[in-house]
Amino acid sequence: MATETIGEIVISPRVLEVITGIAATKVDGVHSLRNKTVADGLSRKTFGKGVYLQTEEDGTVNADIYVYLQYGVNVPAVCIAIQQAVKAAVYDMAEVNISAVNIHVEEIVPEKTPKPDMKSLFDEDFLDD
């Protein structure tokens, strides 16, 4: 089967941010994402809550994810699971290589704190279903 290129495909950074955020929040042990108030660098862009993307010259993407974890979880194991889930989800859905997924654990949330729903994390229409 031959493939023919008839135009350019451009994926919005907002799409990558949503894929990254949803993949991270679906990992067991993640309570929620945290929106950082100030970006760490001038070239770093913030598109939403807790996910910061930076595109490198070679086309790969670095992701910084700021998370709240649930009390009682194995922090390194959850962070590794987030890295694997995000890298796989972004590649599977957008065919974009993520060269680094940096996890920043901002807080451990007490056991009885209710977990926010997806709608509060991302104001997207498709989450109404």
C-alpha atoms as a PDB file:
ATOM      1  CA  MET A   1       0.000   0.000   0.000  1.00  0.00           C
ATOM      2  CA  ALA A   2       1.526   3.301  -1.065  1.00  0.00           C
ATOM      3  CA  THR A   3       0.910   6.471   0.874  1.00  0.00           C
ATOM      4  CA  GLU A   4       0.681   9.784  -0.875  1.00  0.00           C
ATOM      5  CA  THR A   5       1.333  13.081   0.851  1.00  0.00           C
ATOM      6  CA  ILE A   6      -1.152  15.659  -0.347  1.00  0.00           C
ATOM      7  CA  GLY A   7      -0.606  18.321   2.284  1.00  0.00           C
ATOM      8  CA  GLU A   8       0.848  19.207   5.629  1.00  0.00           C
ATOM      9  CA  ILE A   9      -0.384  17.935   8.984  1.00  0.00           C
ATOM     10  CA  VAL A  10      -0.053  20.352  11.889  1.00  0.00           C
ATOM     11  CA  ILE A  11      -0.911  19.303  15.436  1.00  0.00           C
ATOM     12  CA  SER A  12      -1.697  22.125  17.830  1.00  0.00           C
ATOM     13  CA  PRO A  13       0.304  22.260  21.059  1.00  0.00           C
ATOM     14  CA  ARG A  14      -3.073  22.422  22.839  1.00  0.00           C
ATOM     15  CA  VAL A  15      -3.830  18.916  21.528  1.00  0.00           C
ATOM     16  CA  LEU A  16      -0.548  17.582  22.886  1.00  0.00           C
ATOM     17  CA  GLU A  17      -1.230  19.276  26.216  1.00  0.00           C
ATOM     18  CA  VAL A  18      -4.675  17.668  26.517  1.00  0.00           C
ATOM     19  CA  ILE A  19      -3.321  14.226  25.570  1.00  0.00           C
ATOM     20  CA  THR A  20      -0.519  14.632  28.110  1.00  0.00           C
ATOM     21  CA  GLY A  21      -2.804  15.848  30.878  1.00  0.00           C
ATOM     22  CA  ILE A  22      -5.411  13.128  30.422  1.00  0.00           C
ATOM     23  CA  ALA A  23      -2.773  10.384  30.228  1.00  0.00           C
ATOM     24  CA  ALA A  24      -1.134  11.663  33.424  1.00  0.00           C
ATOM     25  CA  THR A  25      -4.365  11.946  35.408  1.00  0.00           C
ATOM     26  CA  LYS A  26      -5.454   8.424  34.470  1.00  0.00           C
ATOM     27  CA  VAL A  27      -2.434   6.881  36.206  1.00  0.00           C
ATOM     28  CA  ASP A  28      -3.327   5.263  39.537  1.00  0.00           C
ATOM     29  CA  GLY A  29      -2.027   7.361  42.404  1.00  0.00           C
ATOM     30  CA  VAL A  30      -2.352  10.730  40.663  1.00  0.00           C
ATOM     31  CA  HIS A  31      -4.813  13.018  42.412  1.00  0.00           C
ATOM     32  CA  SER A  32      -4.667  15.997  40.047  1.00  0.00           C
ATOM     33  CA  LEU A  33      -2.451  18.341  38.086  1.00  0.00           C
ATOM     34  CA  ARG A  34      -1.236  21.680  39.385  1.00  0.00           C
ATOM     35  CA  ASN A  35      -1.019  24.850  37.334  1.00  0.00           C
ATOM     36  CA  LYS A  36       2.335  26.505  37.967  1.00  0.00           C
ATOM     37  CA  THR A  37       2.104  30.296  38.146  1.00  0.00           C
ATOM     38  CA  VAL A  38       5.355  31.231  36.397  1.00  0.00           C
ATOM     39  CA  ALA A  39       7.021  29.393  33.516  1.00  0.00           C
ATOM     40  CA  ASP A  40      10.641  28.437  34.139  1.00  0.00           C
ATOM     41  CA  GLY A  41      11.979  29.740  30.850  1.00  0.00           C
ATOM     42  CA  LEU A  42      11.193  32.133  28.061  1.00  0.00           C
ATOM     43  CA  SER A  43      10.935  29.412  25.416  1.00  0.00           C
ATOM     44  CA  ARG A  44       8.633  27.269  27.542  1.00  0.00           C
ATOM     45  CA  LYS A  45       4.933  27.580  26.794  1.00  0.00           C
ATOM     46  CA  THR A  46       2.071  26.960  29.156  1.00  0.00           C
ATOM     47  CA  PHE A  47      -1.148  25.774  27.559  1.00  0.00           C
ATOM     48  CA  GLY A  48      -3.078  24.480  30.510  1.00  0.00           C
ATOM     49  CA  LYS A  49      -3.173  23.129  33.982  1.00  0.00           C
ATOM     50  CA  GLY A  50      -0.005  21.451  35.114  1.00  0.00           C
ATOM     51  CA  VAL A  51       1.439  20.643  31.676  1.00  0.00           C
ATOM     52  CA  TYR A  52       4.291  22.636  30.165  1.00  0.00           C
ATOM     53  CA  LEU A  53       5.648  21.751  26.729  1.00  0.00           C
ATOM     54  CA  GLN A  54       8.860  22.799  25.044  1.00  0.00           C
ATOM     55  CA  THR A  55       9.670  21.898  21.447  1.00  0.00           C
ATOM     56  CA  GLU A  56      13.304  21.193  20.641  1.00  0.00           C
ATOM     57  CA  GLU A  57      15.034  21.983  17.337  1.00  0.00           C
ATOM     58  CA  ASP A  58      14.918  18.313  16.287  1.00  0.00           C
ATOM     59  CA  GLY A  59      11.108  18.292  16.579  1.00  0.00           C
ATOM     60  CA  THR A  60      10.910  16.326  19.805  1.00  0.00           C
ATOM     61  CA  VAL A  61       8.999  17.658  22.766  1.00  0.00           C
ATOM     62  CA  ASN A  62       9.940  17.966  26.429  1.00  0.00           C
ATOM     63  CA  ALA A  63       7.075  17.852  28.897  1.00  0.00           C
ATOM     64  CA  ASP A  64       7.059  19.126  32.455  1.00  0.00           C
ATOM     65  CA  ILE A  65       4.088  17.859  34.461  1.00  0.00           C
ATOM     66  CA  TYR A  66       3.227  19.208  37.912  1.00  0.00           C
ATOM     67  CA  VAL A  67       1.180  16.706  39.923  1.00  0.00           C
ATOM     68  CA  TYR A  68      -0.496  16.150  43.242  1.00  0.00           C
ATOM     69  CA  LEU A  69      -0.252  12.518  44.304  1.00  0.00           C
ATOM     70  CA  GLN A  70      -2.538  10.568  46.605  1.00  0.00           C
ATOM     71  CA  TYR A  71      -1.339   9.739  50.090  1.00  0.00           C
ATOM     72  CA  GLY A  72       0.163   6.269  50.514  1.00  0.00           C
ATOM     73  CA  VAL A  73       1.443   5.703  46.982  1.00  0.00           C
ATOM     74  CA  ASN A  74       4.966   4.748  45.977  1.00  0.00           C
ATOM     75  CA  VAL A  75       6.092   8.107  44.582  1.00  0.00           C
ATOM     76  CA  PRO A  76       8.887   6.881  42.250  1.00  0.00           C
ATOM     77  CA  ALA A  77       6.673   4.086  40.852  1.00  0.00           C
ATOM     78  CA  VAL A  78       3.794   6.475  40.134  1.00  0.00           C
ATOM     79  CA  CYS A  79       6.158   8.970  38.478  1.00  0.00           C
ATOM     80  CA  ILE A  80       7.625   6.270  36.232  1.00  0.00           C
ATOM     81  CA  ALA A  81       4.100   5.146  35.324  1.00  0.00           C
ATOM     82  CA  ILE A  82       3.187   8.758  34.413  1.00  0.00           C
ATOM     83  CA  GLN A  83       6.281   9.057  32.216  1.00  0.00           C
ATOM     84  CA  GLN A  84       5.489   5.817  30.390  1.00  0.00           C
ATOM     85  CA  ALA A  85       1.779   6.620  29.986  1.00  0.00           C
ATOM     86  CA  VAL A  86       2.409  10.119  28.641  1.00  0.00           C
ATOM     87  CA  LYS A  87       5.141   9.064  26.227  1.00  0.00           C
ATOM     88  CA  ALA A  88       3.020   6.197  24.869  1.00  0.00           C
ATOM     89  CA  ALA A  89      -0.204   8.228  24.607  1.00  0.00           C
ATOM     90  CA  VAL A  90       1.379  11.160  22.764  1.00  0.00           C
ATOM     91  CA  TYR A  91       3.182   8.878  20.327  1.00  0.00           C
ATOM     92  CA  ASP A  92       0.147   6.632  19.747  1.00  0.00           C
ATOM     93  CA  MET A  93      -2.261   9.525  19.168  1.00  0.00           C
ATOM     94  CA  ALA A  94      -0.080  12.163  17.518  1.00  0.00           C
ATOM     95  CA  GLU A  95       3.116  10.339  16.427  1.00  0.00           C
ATOM     96  CA  VAL A  96       5.172  12.939  18.286  1.00  0.00           C
ATOM     97  CA  ASN A  97       8.306  11.804  20.091  1.00  0.00           C
ATOM     98  CA  ILE A  98       8.664  13.055  23.624  1.00  0.00           C
ATOM     99  CA  SER A  99      12.318  13.117  24.576  1.00  0.00           C
ATOM    100  CA  ALA A 100      11.769  13.914  28.263  1.00  0.00           C
ATOM    101  CA  VAL A 101       8.812  13.700  30.618  1.00  0.00           C
ATOM    102  CA  ASN A 102       9.791  15.538  33.791  1.00  0.00           C
ATOM    103  CA  ILE A 103       7.489  14.928  36.750  1.00  0.00           C
ATOM    104  CA  HIS A 104       7.320  17.525  39.512  1.00  0.00           C
ATOM    105  CA  VAL A 105       5.531  16.227  42.610  1.00  0.00           C
ATOM    106  CA  GLU A 106       4.067  19.331  44.204  1.00  0.00           C
ATOM    107  CA  GLU A 107       2.083  17.806  47.040  1.00  0.00           C
ATOM    108  CA  ILE A 108       0.777  14.642  48.627  1.00  0.00           C
ATOM    109  CA  VAL A 109      -2.997  14.936  49.074  1.00  0.00           C
ATOM    110  CA  PRO A 110      -4.696  13.540  52.212  1.00  0.00           C
ATOM    111  CA  GLU A 111      -6.741  10.381  51.779  1.00  0.00           C
ATOM    112  CA  LYS A 112     -10.179  11.921  52.231  1.00  0.00           C
ATOM    113  CA  THR A 113      -9.734  14.700  49.664  1.00  0.00           C
ATOM    114  CA  PRO A 114     -12.115  14.092  46.726  1.00  0.00           C
ATOM    115  CA  LYS A 115     -10.467  13.670  43.356  1.00  0.00           C
ATOM    116  CA  PRO A 116     -11.475  16.359  40.798  1.00  0.00           C
ATOM    117  CA  ASP A 117     -13.265  15.259  37.647  1.00  0.00           C
ATOM    118  CA  MET A 118     -11.798  15.656  34.146  1.00  0.00           C
ATOM    119  CA  LYS A 119     -14.100  18.593  33.381  1.00  0.00           C
ATOM    120  CA  SER A 120     -12.417  20.704  36.062  1.00  0.00           C
ATOM    121  CA  LEU A 121      -8.973  19.883  34.656  1.00  0.00           C
ATOM    122  CA  PHE A 122      -9.717  20.698  31.030  1.00  0.00           C
ATOM    123  CA  ASP A 123     -12.504  22.912  29.752  1.00  0.00           C
ATOM    124  CA  GLU A 124     -13.170  20.816  26.675  1.00  0.00           C
ATOM    125  CA  ASP A 125     -16.558  20.052  25.127  1.00  0.00           C
ATOM    126  CA  PHE A 126     -15.727  16.405  24.424  1.00  0.00           C
ATOM    127  CA  LEU A 127     -15.452  15.711  28.157  1.00  0.00           C
ATOM    128  CA  ASP A 128     -19.223  16.210  28.583  1.00  0.00           C
ATOM    129  CA  ASP A 129     -19.892  12.692  27.289  1.00  0.00           C
END
